[in-house]
Amino acid sequence: MPKKFKTAAKARTAIEFELDEVKYTFRPPKSAAMVMPLLEGGADDMSVVRAGLDWLREGLDDDQYATIADRLKDPKDDFDLSEFEEIIDFLVEQAANDRPIL
């Protein structure tokens, strides 16, 4: 008899976080949306950052995403990849823990 699998519904609860006293609300898209590009194109540093940015873009409102992206591009802003990676790590962990209670 073959092993059977069932897709569990995900709660996808909004995750709130603050960056320099600005509040953001992230609605986690599918985790596969971030992982698949890495699997298809390799996992070099730029691919990881690009996948994180794309995943963040899907989960934030346009204005909130633009604020973060603009800060990353601004050479006068101290917000950099280390803080960005910390945010992505936090969001991935929170989204992974958002499982339905059976």
C-alpha atoms as a PDB file:
ATOM      1  CA  MET A   1       0.000   0.000   0.000  1.00  0.00           C
ATOM      2  CA  PRO A   2       1.490   3.400  -0.932  1.00  0.00           C
ATOM      3  CA  LYS A   3       2.265   6.017   1.668  1.00  0.00           C
ATOM      4  CA  LYS A   4      -0.436   8.693   1.658  1.00  0.00           C
ATOM      5  CA  PHE A   5       0.186  12.369   2.263  1.00  0.00           C
ATOM      6  CA  LYS A   6      -2.285  15.137   2.954  1.00  0.00           C
ATOM      7  CA  THR A   7      -1.729  18.854   2.553  1.00  0.00           C
ATOM      8  CA  ALA A   8      -2.479  20.589   5.838  1.00  0.00           C
ATOM      9  CA  ALA A   9      -4.154  23.972   5.787  1.00  0.00           C
ATOM     10  CA  LYS A  10      -1.815  26.709   6.948  1.00  0.00           C
ATOM     11  CA  ALA A  11      -3.071  29.463   9.213  1.00  0.00           C
ATOM     12  CA  ARG A  12      -0.816  32.125   7.645  1.00  0.00           C
ATOM     13  CA  THR A  13      -1.220  34.447  10.595  1.00  0.00           C
ATOM     14  CA  ALA A  14       0.105  37.966  10.071  1.00  0.00           C
ATOM     15  CA  ILE A  15       3.484  38.595  11.707  1.00  0.00           C
ATOM     16  CA  GLU A  16       4.200  42.022  13.100  1.00  0.00           C
ATOM     17  CA  PHE A  17       7.678  43.439  13.568  1.00  0.00           C
ATOM     18  CA  GLU A  18       9.313  46.806  14.057  1.00  0.00           C
ATOM     19  CA  LEU A  19      12.341  48.214  12.316  1.00  0.00           C
ATOM     20  CA  ASP A  20      13.688  51.386  13.884  1.00  0.00           C
ATOM     21  CA  GLU A  21      10.315  52.107  15.524  1.00  0.00           C
ATOM     22  CA  VAL A  22       8.344  51.652  12.278  1.00  0.00           C
ATOM     23  CA  LYS A  23       5.747  48.874  12.466  1.00  0.00           C
ATOM     24  CA  TYR A  24       5.374  46.344   9.664  1.00  0.00           C
ATOM     25  CA  THR A  25       2.796  43.626   9.077  1.00  0.00           C
ATOM     26  CA  PHE A  26       3.978  40.600   7.102  1.00  0.00           C
ATOM     27  CA  ARG A  27       1.502  38.061   5.739  1.00  0.00           C
ATOM     28  CA  PRO A  28       3.596  34.991   4.979  1.00  0.00           C
ATOM     29  CA  PRO A  29       3.296  33.685   1.450  1.00  0.00           C
ATOM     30  CA  LYS A  30       4.111  30.053   0.754  1.00  0.00           C
ATOM     31  CA  SER A  31       7.591  29.121   1.925  1.00  0.00           C
ATOM     32  CA  ALA A  32       8.118  27.459  -1.439  1.00  0.00           C
ATOM     33  CA  ALA A  33       7.997  30.911  -3.007  1.00  0.00           C
ATOM     34  CA  MET A  34      11.339  31.633  -1.357  1.00  0.00           C
ATOM     35  CA  VAL A  35      12.914  28.181  -1.593  1.00  0.00           C
ATOM     36  CA  MET A  36      12.115  27.225  -5.195  1.00  0.00           C
ATOM     37  CA  PRO A  37      14.213  29.977  -6.846  1.00  0.00           C
ATOM     38  CA  LEU A  38      17.187  28.863  -4.738  1.00  0.00           C
ATOM     39  CA  LEU A  39      16.753  25.256  -5.795  1.00  0.00           C
ATOM     40  CA  GLU A  40      16.355  26.195  -9.445  1.00  0.00           C
ATOM     41  CA  GLY A  41      19.184  28.710  -9.665  1.00  0.00           C
ATOM     42  CA  GLY A  42      21.666  27.698  -7.000  1.00  0.00           C
ATOM     43  CA  ALA A  43      22.191  29.194  -3.579  1.00  0.00           C
ATOM     44  CA  ASP A  44      24.881  31.828  -4.014  1.00  0.00           C
ATOM     45  CA  ASP A  45      24.704  34.899  -1.776  1.00  0.00           C
ATOM     46  CA  MET A  46      22.929  37.084  -4.338  1.00  0.00           C
ATOM     47  CA  SER A  47      20.306  34.413  -5.026  1.00  0.00           C
ATOM     48  CA  VAL A  48      19.578  34.106  -1.304  1.00  0.00           C
ATOM     49  CA  VAL A  49      19.183  37.876  -0.928  1.00  0.00           C
ATOM     50  CA  ARG A  50      17.017  38.084  -4.059  1.00  0.00           C
ATOM     51  CA  ALA A  51      14.798  35.239  -2.844  1.00  0.00           C
ATOM     52  CA  GLY A  52      14.444  36.944   0.545  1.00  0.00           C
ATOM     53  CA  LEU A  53      13.518  40.248  -1.083  1.00  0.00           C
ATOM     54  CA  ASP A  54      10.966  38.601  -3.363  1.00  0.00           C
ATOM     55  CA  TRP A  55       9.402  36.729  -0.421  1.00  0.00           C
ATOM     56  CA  LEU A  56       9.312  39.929   1.632  1.00  0.00           C
ATOM     57  CA  ARG A  57       7.689  41.785  -1.300  1.00  0.00           C
ATOM     58  CA  GLU A  58       4.935  39.174  -1.452  1.00  0.00           C
ATOM     59  CA  GLY A  59       4.200  39.395   2.269  1.00  0.00           C
ATOM     60  CA  LEU A  60       4.305  43.170   2.850  1.00  0.00           C
ATOM     61  CA  ASP A  61       2.132  45.965   1.551  1.00  0.00           C
ATOM     62  CA  ASP A  62       3.755  47.766  -1.380  1.00  0.00           C
ATOM     63  CA  ASP A  63       4.561  50.878   0.674  1.00  0.00           C
ATOM     64  CA  GLN A  64       6.130  48.865   3.480  1.00  0.00           C
ATOM     65  CA  TYR A  65       8.256  46.866   1.063  1.00  0.00           C
ATOM     66  CA  ALA A  66       9.351  50.040  -0.754  1.00  0.00           C
ATOM     67  CA  THR A  67      10.481  51.570   2.543  1.00  0.00           C
ATOM     68  CA  ILE A  68      12.719  48.596   3.321  1.00  0.00           C
ATOM     69  CA  ALA A  69      14.066  48.313  -0.234  1.00  0.00           C
ATOM     70  CA  ASP A  70      14.794  52.054  -0.369  1.00  0.00           C
ATOM     71  CA  ARG A  71      16.644  51.874   2.934  1.00  0.00           C
ATOM     72  CA  LEU A  72      18.781  48.989   1.660  1.00  0.00           C
ATOM     73  CA  LYS A  73      19.690  51.032  -1.447  1.00  0.00           C
ATOM     74  CA  ASP A  74      20.418  54.273   0.432  1.00  0.00           C
ATOM     75  CA  PRO A  75      24.204  54.590   0.955  1.00  0.00           C
ATOM     76  CA  LYS A  76      23.621  56.996   3.880  1.00  0.00           C
ATOM     77  CA  ASP A  77      21.347  54.555   5.747  1.00  0.00           C
ATOM     78  CA  ASP A  78      23.032  52.145   8.158  1.00  0.00           C
ATOM     79  CA  PHE A  79      20.326  49.506   7.545  1.00  0.00           C
ATOM     80  CA  ASP A  80      22.205  46.791   5.671  1.00  0.00           C
ATOM     81  CA  LEU A  81      22.181  43.097   4.765  1.00  0.00           C
ATOM     82  CA  SER A  82      22.981  41.895   8.290  1.00  0.00           C
ATOM     83  CA  GLU A  83      19.787  43.500   9.653  1.00  0.00           C
ATOM     84  CA  PHE A  84      17.828  42.428   6.585  1.00  0.00           C
ATOM     85  CA  GLU A  85      18.939  38.808   7.089  1.00  0.00           C
ATOM     86  CA  GLU A  86      17.959  39.006  10.754  1.00  0.00           C
ATOM     87  CA  ILE A  87      14.449  40.116   9.750  1.00  0.00           C
ATOM     88  CA  ILE A  88      14.130  37.353   7.129  1.00  0.00           C
ATOM     89  CA  ASP A  89      15.366  34.729   9.621  1.00  0.00           C
ATOM     90  CA  PHE A  90      12.789  35.927  12.149  1.00  0.00           C
ATOM     91  CA  LEU A  91       9.953  35.865   9.594  1.00  0.00           C
ATOM     92  CA  VAL A  92      10.902  32.406   8.301  1.00  0.00           C
ATOM     93  CA  GLU A  93      10.989  31.057  11.858  1.00  0.00           C
ATOM     94  CA  GLN A  94       7.649  32.633  12.749  1.00  0.00           C
ATOM     95  CA  ALA A  95       6.008  31.426   9.527  1.00  0.00           C
ATOM     96  CA  ALA A  96       7.349  27.890  10.077  1.00  0.00           C
ATOM     97  CA  ASN A  97       5.856  27.850  13.569  1.00  0.00           C
ATOM     98  CA  ASP A  98       2.433  28.876  12.273  1.00  0.00           C
ATOM     99  CA  ARG A  99       0.922  25.418  12.060  1.00  0.00           C
ATOM    100  CA  PRO A 100      -2.728  24.583  12.550  1.00  0.00           C
ATOM    101  CA  ILE A 101      -3.705  23.016  15.841  1.00  0.00           C
ATOM    102  CA  LEU A 102      -5.397  19.694  15.221  1.00  0.00           C
END
